[in-house]
Amino acid sequence: MQGSPSVIAALNTLYMQLLTWKEASHRQENRFQAMGWNGLKEKWDSATHEAHDLIGGVLDRIEELGGEPQSTMGQVTIANDPQAAFQLGLTTLNALATSYRSALDAAAGDKDVGTEDVLYGQACKVERRIIKFEKQLRKLAALQSPLYLASRG
């Protein structure tokens, strides 16, 4: 099956952002583990596994459409401070959500229902992750003690 070049391009943009998100979440997970903050490590571990699953679906769809996956990552930035880490993560997730919307728009414009089916559920997962990260940021702001949250998860 040969897919639309615009859909494949949108999927590749999404794929590259997912690769960046996975690497960033994995490195943040490792940073908090090294700092002994296992509660935070677990939150980032969950994000890493979710990113891995999302990547697989997008990669498969690019290849099903006859595209060549672009495996370039963007800049990865992590932080020692929990609040800064979640803010960085939220920034990346919001960009990812925008890419999902663009890819869904491209698929809808080309009447590519198969791509829409793949992406819709994934976009919902990203939106739920955004809500989780916003909740963590509110907790951090309310507690005014990042170390407490780090120890509690």
Foldseek 3Di string as FASTA:
>chain_A
DADDPQLLVLLLVLLQLLLLLLVQLQVQLVLLVVVVLNLVNVLSVVSNVLSVVLNVLSVVVSVVNVHDHDHHHDDHDADNFPLVRLVVSLVSLVVSLVSLVSSCVSCVVVVVVVSNVSSPVSSVVSVVSNVVSVVVNVVCVVVVDRVVSSNVD
